[in-house]
Amino acid sequence: MQATQPFLVYRDRIGVPSEIGFLRRQYVGFSRLHPVWIGRTVLPDAGEISPDTHRLGGDPPLGSLQRFLFRHCGVVPSLGMPGLAPVLHAQFARGGALALPLVRHLGLRMVVTLHGGDVSKHKNWTGTVLAKRWPAMLRETACFVCVSGAVAEVAAAHGVPADKLMVLPIGVEITNDPAIRRPSAHLFVGRFVEKKGIVVLADAMRRLRAAGDLTPLVCVGDGPLRPMLNALAREIPGIILTGWLTPDAVRARMTNAVSLVVPSVVASDGDAEGLPSVIPEAMAQACPVIGSDQGGIAEAISDGVTGLLVPPGDVEALAVAMRRVAQEPGLGDQLGAAGFRHAASALNAHIQSAKLEDLLLSV
């Protein structure tokens, strides 16, 4: 077996539940480099990303001071990691800003992956570590990898030169042909926040119930808008909230979903999707996807072929699309099969990951 060389991956909070799947998949096709994760916080689920995770600084109280000085002053604590490849991969724009002193201290080149909201949220650009270090990042970062063309457009608007931009969607692992589907409910998977279109989804379900459509809706995830969904579940029948589930449990839900619903909108604070990881995940299970016609969602779905697109924020259009997939004979199977073929060819994690490894080695 060919030996692999360790290299640093910076994520300030390692192990956020909603990130584990898509962050891990960025490295599944690596054969020459081995990711060593480092950040200021290592959460309990970090081991699901990688067994090789490290917290900057030592134990409290000295370690707490070291992390404070790193965050606010760029003082880098001792790492004790010899033999690292001369490149660091930072996750999210803020991760790149925080990692900049580390890159300088170790004499590394840096590649930053931009995921969407990290560059689209208005608050990220006023008085933050990202805003303060962004001019230096533009000069010193070798490449900004964007998970969709829409994210690349936002990055360009913030001054990233075209020759430093690369669009590379995060793929999904295709292990075998999808299982036999027994659709029983629509499915939503994600954080319960404004940009995920929770309000639009709730209103669409009310319209479906008013029209006599009793197809259930399963919502996997959690977040600040959970009280709204709890109230919806009390108001109309067939709303099931599961909380966060394991990846295997989510895939099982996708296998038996009428559709995966991704009704995302641009939030009032500017937060916008890059490419929601649940879309390729659903396609890999031959689950038909209904998504908003915006950003990376529109890049991943060919309307009427690999899924259905609806105008963002359009409650009636979303309800109509959900009713179509639930009631139109053969439509769900047709969309799901085409989505699976698209995921296997254009969104294969091993292929996308190998491209990222080539990029990191090239810089």
Protein backbone atom coordinates (compact mmCIF):
# COMPACT_ATOMS: atom_id res chain seq x y z
CA MET A 1 0.00 0.00 0.00
CA GLN A 2 1.30 3.43 -0.94
CA ALA A 3 2.32 5.58 2.06
CA THR A 4 0.33 8.74 2.66
CA GLN A 5 1.64 12.04 3.97
CA PRO A 6 -0.27 13.89 6.69
CA PHE A 7 -1.57 17.39 6.02
CA LEU A 8 -3.59 19.81 8.14
CA VAL A 9 -7.32 20.42 7.77
CA TYR A 10 -8.55 23.40 9.79
CA ARG A 11 -12.14 23.50 11.05
CA ASP A 12 -12.63 25.70 14.08
CA ARG A 13 -15.38 23.45 15.53
CA ILE A 14 -14.81 19.84 14.52
CA GLY A 15 -17.80 17.52 14.71
CA VAL A 16 -20.84 19.75 14.17
CA PRO A 17 -23.59 17.15 13.48
CA SER A 18 -24.95 18.79 10.33
CA GLU A 19 -21.44 18.95 8.80
CA ILE A 20 -20.04 15.51 9.53
CA GLY A 21 -21.20 13.76 6.37
CA PHE A 22 -20.17 16.27 3.73
CA LEU A 23 -16.88 17.23 5.40
CA ARG A 24 -15.81 13.61 5.71
CA ARG A 25 -16.67 12.90 2.06
CA GLN A 26 -14.25 15.54 0.83
CA TYR A 27 -11.40 13.15 1.64
CA VAL A 28 -12.76 9.68 0.85
CA GLY A 29 -10.86 9.49 -2.46
CA PHE A 30 -7.46 10.52 -1.09
CA SER A 31 -4.63 8.05 -1.66
CA ARG A 32 -1.48 10.16 -1.26
CA LEU A 33 -2.42 12.61 1.51
CA HIS A 34 -3.89 11.89 4.95
CA PRO A 35 -6.02 14.59 6.62
CA VAL A 36 -5.13 15.59 10.17
CA TRP A 37 -7.96 17.71 11.58
CA ILE A 38 -7.17 20.62 13.87
CA GLY A 39 -9.33 23.29 15.47
CA ARG A 40 -10.08 25.13 18.70
CA THR A 41 -13.04 22.90 19.61
CA VAL A 42 -13.38 19.13 19.16
CA LEU A 43 -17.00 18.08 19.71
CA PRO A 44 -18.12 14.60 20.90
CA ASP A 45 -19.02 13.43 17.37
CA ALA A 46 -15.72 14.51 15.80
CA GLY A 47 -14.60 10.90 15.55
CA GLU A 48 -17.24 10.33 12.88
CA ILE A 49 -15.28 12.66 10.61
CA SER A 50 -11.88 11.18 11.39
CA PRO A 51 -10.06 9.44 14.25
CA ASP A 52 -7.20 11.91 13.66
CA THR A 53 -8.55 15.11 15.27
CA HIS A 54 -6.61 17.51 17.46
CA ARG A 55 -7.47 20.51 19.62
CA LEU A 56 -5.21 23.53 19.40
CA GLY A 57 -3.50 24.26 22.70
CA GLY A 58 -3.25 22.18 25.83
CA ASP A 59 -5.54 21.48 28.75
CA PRO A 60 -7.13 24.33 30.75
CA PRO A 61 -6.25 26.75 32.12
CA LEU A 62 -3.15 27.26 29.96
CA GLY A 63 -4.82 25.73 26.90
CA SER A 64 -7.77 28.10 27.21
CA LEU A 65 -5.38 31.04 27.20
CA GLN A 66 -3.52 29.61 24.18
CA ARG A 67 -6.78 29.27 22.24
CA PHE A 68 -7.80 32.81 23.19
CA LEU A 69 -4.48 34.22 22.00
CA PHE A 70 -4.70 32.20 18.78
CA ARG A 71 -8.23 33.44 18.05
CA HIS A 72 -7.67 37.10 18.88
CA CYS A 73 -3.96 37.70 18.36
CA GLY A 74 -2.85 34.98 15.95
CA VAL A 75 -0.39 33.48 18.45
CA VAL A 76 0.18 29.87 17.40
CA PRO A 77 0.67 27.26 20.16
CA SER A 78 3.14 24.44 19.70
CA LEU A 79 1.79 21.62 17.51
CA GLY A 80 4.43 18.91 17.67
CA MET A 81 3.44 17.44 14.30
CA PRO A 82 6.53 16.72 12.20
CA GLY A 83 6.43 15.56 8.60
CA LEU A 84 3.40 17.56 7.48
CA ALA A 85 2.81 18.22 3.80
CA PRO A 86 3.29 21.92 2.99
CA VAL A 87 -0.40 22.67 2.50
CA LEU A 88 -3.35 23.39 4.79
CA HIS A 89 -6.99 22.96 3.77
CA ALA A 90 -9.32 25.30 5.66
CA GLN A 91 -13.05 24.65 5.87
CA PHE A 92 -15.28 27.74 5.50
CA ALA A 93 -14.16 31.33 4.99
CA ARG A 94 -13.86 32.02 8.72
CA GLY A 95 -11.77 28.87 9.09
CA GLY A 96 -9.36 30.26 6.54
CA ALA A 97 -9.15 33.57 8.40
CA LEU A 98 -8.42 31.82 11.70
CA ALA A 99 -5.90 29.47 10.09
CA LEU A 100 -3.92 32.25 8.41
CA PRO A 101 -1.45 32.73 11.32
CA LEU A 102 -1.00 28.96 11.50
CA VAL A 103 -0.20 28.83 7.79
CA ARG A 104 2.34 31.63 8.15
CA HIS A 105 3.91 30.11 11.27
CA LEU A 106 4.44 26.73 9.60
CA GLY A 107 5.32 28.07 6.15
CA LEU A 108 2.40 26.34 4.41
CA ARG A 109 0.26 27.13 1.39
CA MET A 110 -3.48 27.39 2.05
CA VAL A 111 -6.57 26.23 0.16
CA VAL A 112 -9.97 27.32 1.49
CA THR A 113 -13.29 25.64 0.72
CA LEU A 114 -16.27 28.02 0.68
CA HIS A 115 -19.63 26.42 1.41
CA GLY A 116 -22.20 29.19 0.92
CA GLY A 117 -23.44 31.01 4.00
CA ASP A 118 -19.86 31.60 5.14
CA VAL A 119 -19.49 34.20 2.38
CA SER A 120 -23.12 35.24 1.82
CA LYS A 121 -24.12 36.21 5.39
CA HIS A 122 -23.98 39.99 5.82
CA LYS A 123 -22.78 39.82 9.44
CA ASN A 124 -19.65 37.90 8.45
CA TRP A 125 -18.25 41.01 6.76
CA THR A 126 -18.51 43.57 9.57
CA GLY A 127 -16.09 43.64 12.49
CA THR A 128 -15.28 39.92 12.32
CA VAL A 129 -11.98 38.07 12.11
CA LEU A 130 -12.94 37.20 8.53
CA ALA A 131 -13.48 40.85 7.59
CA LYS A 132 -10.20 41.90 9.21
CA ARG A 133 -8.08 39.18 7.60
CA TRP A 134 -9.86 38.91 4.25
CA PRO A 135 -7.48 41.23 2.32
CA ALA A 136 -4.54 39.10 3.51
CA MET A 137 -6.43 35.93 2.63
CA LEU A 138 -6.97 37.20 -0.91
CA ARG A 139 -3.24 37.70 -1.28
CA GLU A 140 -1.98 34.58 0.48
CA THR A 141 -4.55 31.85 -0.28
CA ALA A 142 -3.53 29.68 -3.21
CA CYS A 143 -7.07 28.65 -4.18
CA PHE A 144 -10.67 29.12 -3.05
CA VAL A 145 -12.66 25.94 -3.73
CA CYS A 146 -16.40 26.65 -4.10
CA VAL A 147 -19.06 23.95 -3.71
CA SER A 148 -21.16 25.53 -6.48
CA GLY A 149 -20.96 28.16 -9.19
CA ALA A 150 -23.31 30.34 -7.15
CA VAL A 151 -20.83 30.37 -4.26
CA ALA A 152 -18.04 31.25 -6.70
CA GLU A 153 -20.06 34.26 -7.87
CA VAL A 154 -20.41 35.52 -4.30
CA ALA A 155 -16.70 34.96 -3.67
CA ALA A 156 -15.83 36.88 -6.84
CA ALA A 157 -18.04 39.75 -5.70
CA HIS A 158 -15.92 39.88 -2.53
CA GLY A 159 -12.75 40.23 -4.57
CA VAL A 160 -11.48 36.68 -5.14
CA PRO A 161 -9.58 36.71 -8.46
CA ALA A 162 -10.91 34.39 -11.15
CA ASP A 163 -7.60 32.51 -11.32
CA LYS A 164 -7.94 31.59 -7.64
CA LEU A 165 -11.49 30.22 -7.95
CA MET A 166 -12.34 26.55 -8.50
CA VAL A 167 -15.86 25.10 -8.53
CA LEU A 168 -15.87 21.58 -7.07
CA PRO A 169 -19.16 20.22 -5.69
CA ILE A 170 -18.91 17.76 -2.82
CA GLY A 171 -20.08 14.37 -3.98
CA VAL A 172 -21.76 11.38 -2.44
CA GLU A 173 -20.53 7.81 -2.03
CA ILE A 174 -22.16 5.45 -4.53
CA THR A 175 -21.87 1.97 -3.09
CA ASN A 176 -24.39 -0.08 -5.07
CA ASP A 177 -27.70 0.09 -6.88
CA PRO A 178 -30.41 1.73 -4.78
CA ALA A 179 -32.72 -0.47 -2.74
CA ILE A 180 -36.32 -1.16 -3.72
CA ARG A 181 -38.31 1.91 -2.75
CA ARG A 182 -41.54 1.86 -0.73
CA PRO A 183 -42.43 5.57 -0.55
CA SER A 184 -44.49 6.56 2.44
CA ALA A 185 -43.78 10.22 3.35
CA HIS A 186 -42.15 13.41 2.14
CA LEU A 187 -38.81 14.08 3.83
CA PHE A 188 -36.97 17.19 5.00
CA VAL A 189 -33.41 16.89 6.33
CA GLY A 190 -31.46 19.83 7.73
CA ARG A 191 -31.21 22.57 10.29
CA PHE A 192 -34.47 24.27 11.20
CA VAL A 193 -33.35 27.76 10.17
CA GLU A 194 -34.72 30.47 7.90
CA LYS A 195 -32.63 29.72 4.82
CA LYS A 196 -33.88 26.12 4.73
CA GLY A 197 -37.38 27.39 3.86
CA ILE A 198 -39.09 26.05 6.98
CA VAL A 199 -41.85 28.69 6.77
CA VAL A 200 -42.50 27.90 3.11
CA LEU A 201 -42.64 24.16 3.83
CA ALA A 202 -45.09 24.66 6.70
CA ASP A 203 -47.44 26.74 4.53
CA ALA A 204 -47.19 24.20 1.69
CA MET A 205 -48.23 21.41 4.08
CA ARG A 206 -51.25 23.47 5.17
CA ARG A 207 -52.30 23.83 1.54
CA LEU A 208 -51.86 20.14 0.89
CA ARG A 209 -54.02 19.24 3.88
CA ALA A 210 -56.66 21.76 2.81
CA ALA A 211 -56.74 20.06 -0.61
CA GLY A 212 -57.19 16.63 0.99
CA ASP A 213 -53.60 15.38 0.50
CA LEU A 214 -52.68 13.47 3.67
CA THR A 215 -49.16 12.38 2.67
CA PRO A 216 -47.04 12.58 5.85
CA LEU A 217 -43.94 14.75 6.24
CA VAL A 218 -40.91 13.57 8.22
CA CYS A 219 -38.53 16.32 9.39
CA VAL A 220 -35.04 15.20 10.38
CA GLY A 221 -32.90 17.75 12.19
CA ASP A 222 -33.23 20.50 14.74
CA GLY A 223 -32.74 24.21 15.17
CA PRO A 224 -34.26 27.49 16.32
CA LEU A 225 -37.42 27.11 14.21
CA ARG A 226 -38.37 23.81 15.80
CA PRO A 227 -41.22 25.45 17.80
CA MET A 228 -42.83 26.38 14.47
CA LEU A 229 -42.75 22.76 13.33
CA ASN A 230 -43.99 21.58 16.72
CA ALA A 231 -46.94 23.93 16.34
CA LEU A 232 -47.53 22.65 12.79
CA ALA A 233 -47.57 19.07 14.07
CA ARG A 234 -50.26 20.03 16.59
CA GLU A 235 -52.24 21.87 13.91
CA ILE A 236 -52.34 19.27 11.14
CA PRO A 237 -51.89 15.48 11.11
CA GLY A 238 -48.94 13.57 9.70
CA ILE A 239 -46.00 15.78 10.75
CA ILE A 240 -43.19 13.74 12.34
CA LEU A 241 -40.10 15.33 13.93
CA THR A 242 -37.27 12.87 14.58
CA GLY A 243 -34.40 15.11 15.71
CA TRP A 244 -30.97 14.35 14.26
CA LEU A 245 -30.49 10.80 12.99
CA THR A 246 -27.41 8.76 12.09
CA PRO A 247 -26.34 8.77 8.43
CA ASP A 248 -27.57 5.19 8.01
CA ALA A 249 -30.96 6.13 9.45
CA VAL A 250 -31.21 9.14 7.13
CA ARG A 251 -30.42 6.97 4.11
CA ALA A 252 -33.13 4.54 5.18
CA ARG A 253 -35.60 7.42 5.37
CA MET A 254 -34.54 8.56 1.89
CA THR A 255 -35.07 5.08 0.49
CA ASN A 256 -38.69 5.20 1.62
CA ALA A 257 -39.43 8.87 0.94
CA VAL A 258 -41.99 10.13 -1.55
CA SER A 259 -39.60 13.04 -2.11
CA LEU A 260 -36.82 14.95 -0.43
CA VAL A 261 -38.00 18.55 -0.09
CA VAL A 262 -35.35 21.31 -0.19
CA PRO A 263 -37.37 24.57 -0.21
CA SER A 264 -34.44 26.86 0.56
CA VAL A 265 -34.58 30.65 0.38
CA VAL A 266 -32.09 33.49 0.85
CA ALA A 267 -32.47 34.43 4.51
CA SER A 268 -32.99 37.99 5.70
CA ASP A 269 -29.37 38.09 6.89
CA GLY A 270 -28.09 37.05 3.45
CA ASP A 271 -27.48 33.42 4.43
CA ALA A 272 -27.80 31.27 1.30
CA GLU A 273 -27.19 27.69 0.25
CA GLY A 274 -24.07 26.49 -1.49
CA LEU A 275 -25.01 22.95 -2.49
CA PRO A 276 -27.04 21.22 0.24
CA SER A 277 -25.37 17.86 0.84
CA VAL A 278 -28.74 16.15 1.24
CA ILE A 279 -29.40 16.52 -2.50
CA PRO A 280 -26.65 14.17 -3.77
CA GLU A 281 -27.31 11.94 -0.75
CA ALA A 282 -30.96 11.57 -1.78
CA MET A 283 -30.04 11.05 -5.43
CA ALA A 284 -27.73 8.22 -4.38
CA GLN A 285 -30.80 6.50 -2.88
CA ALA A 286 -32.90 7.18 -6.02
CA CYS A 287 -35.09 9.49 -3.94
CA PRO A 288 -36.77 12.20 -6.07
CA VAL A 289 -35.77 15.73 -5.03
CA ILE A 290 -37.92 18.86 -5.02
CA GLY A 291 -35.75 21.95 -4.60
CA SER A 292 -35.76 25.72 -4.92
CA ASP A 293 -34.62 27.11 -8.24
CA GLN A 294 -31.61 28.97 -6.88
CA GLY A 295 -27.87 28.71 -6.34
CA GLY A 296 -26.24 25.31 -6.15
CA ILE A 297 -29.64 23.58 -5.92
CA ALA A 298 -30.47 24.64 -9.47
CA GLU A 299 -27.02 23.51 -10.60
CA ALA A 300 -27.53 20.02 -9.16
CA ILE A 301 -31.11 19.43 -10.39
CA SER A 302 -32.26 19.39 -14.00
CA ASP A 303 -35.92 20.37 -13.73
CA GLY A 304 -38.24 17.56 -14.81
CA VAL A 305 -35.32 15.20 -15.38
CA THR A 306 -33.36 14.59 -12.17
CA GLY A 307 -35.85 16.36 -9.89
CA LEU A 308 -38.31 19.24 -9.75
CA LEU A 309 -37.44 22.91 -9.26
CA VAL A 310 -39.82 25.49 -7.83
CA PRO A 311 -39.39 29.26 -7.40
CA PRO A 312 -37.90 29.98 -3.96
CA GLY A 313 -40.54 31.11 -1.50
CA ASP A 314 -43.45 30.03 -3.74
CA VAL A 315 -45.75 28.09 -1.41
CA GLU A 316 -48.26 27.09 -4.09
CA ALA A 317 -45.57 25.85 -6.50
CA LEU A 318 -44.00 23.77 -3.76
CA ALA A 319 -47.36 22.24 -2.79
CA VAL A 320 -48.12 21.43 -6.44
CA ALA A 321 -44.73 19.73 -6.91
CA MET A 322 -45.15 17.67 -3.74
CA ARG A 323 -48.64 16.62 -4.83
CA ARG A 324 -47.37 15.66 -8.28
CA VAL A 325 -44.65 13.38 -6.96
CA ALA A 326 -47.04 11.81 -4.47
CA GLN A 327 -49.91 11.22 -6.89
CA GLU A 328 -48.63 11.14 -10.49
CA PRO A 329 -47.99 7.47 -11.40
CA GLY A 330 -44.35 6.69 -12.12
CA LEU A 331 -43.07 10.25 -11.74
CA GLY A 332 -41.17 9.63 -8.50
CA ASP A 333 -39.50 6.50 -9.86
CA GLN A 334 -38.54 8.30 -13.07
CA LEU A 335 -37.01 11.29 -11.28
CA GLY A 336 -35.28 9.08 -8.73
CA ALA A 337 -33.67 6.84 -11.34
CA ALA A 338 -32.38 9.83 -13.33
CA GLY A 339 -31.10 11.45 -10.15
CA PHE A 340 -29.21 8.29 -9.23
CA ARG A 341 -27.52 8.19 -12.65
CA HIS A 342 -26.55 11.86 -12.31
CA ALA A 343 -25.11 11.35 -8.82
CA ALA A 344 -23.12 8.30 -9.92
CA SER A 345 -21.54 10.14 -12.85
CA ALA A 346 -21.30 13.83 -11.88
CA LEU A 347 -21.44 13.84 -8.07
CA ASN A 348 -19.38 10.78 -7.17
CA ALA A 349 -17.51 11.55 -3.95
CA HIS A 350 -14.46 9.46 -4.83
CA ILE A 351 -14.02 11.33 -8.11
CA GLN A 352 -14.62 14.77 -6.58
CA SER A 353 -12.34 13.95 -3.66
CA ALA A 354 -9.52 12.82 -5.95
CA LYS A 355 -9.75 16.17 -7.75
CA LEU A 356 -9.37 17.97 -4.43
CA GLU A 357 -6.32 15.87 -3.56
CA ASP A 358 -4.77 16.71 -6.95
CA LEU A 359 -5.34 20.41 -6.23
CA LEU A 360 -3.77 20.26 -2.77
CA LEU A 361 -0.72 18.46 -4.15
CA SER A 362 -0.41 20.98 -6.98
CA VAL A 363 -0.15 24.00 -4.68
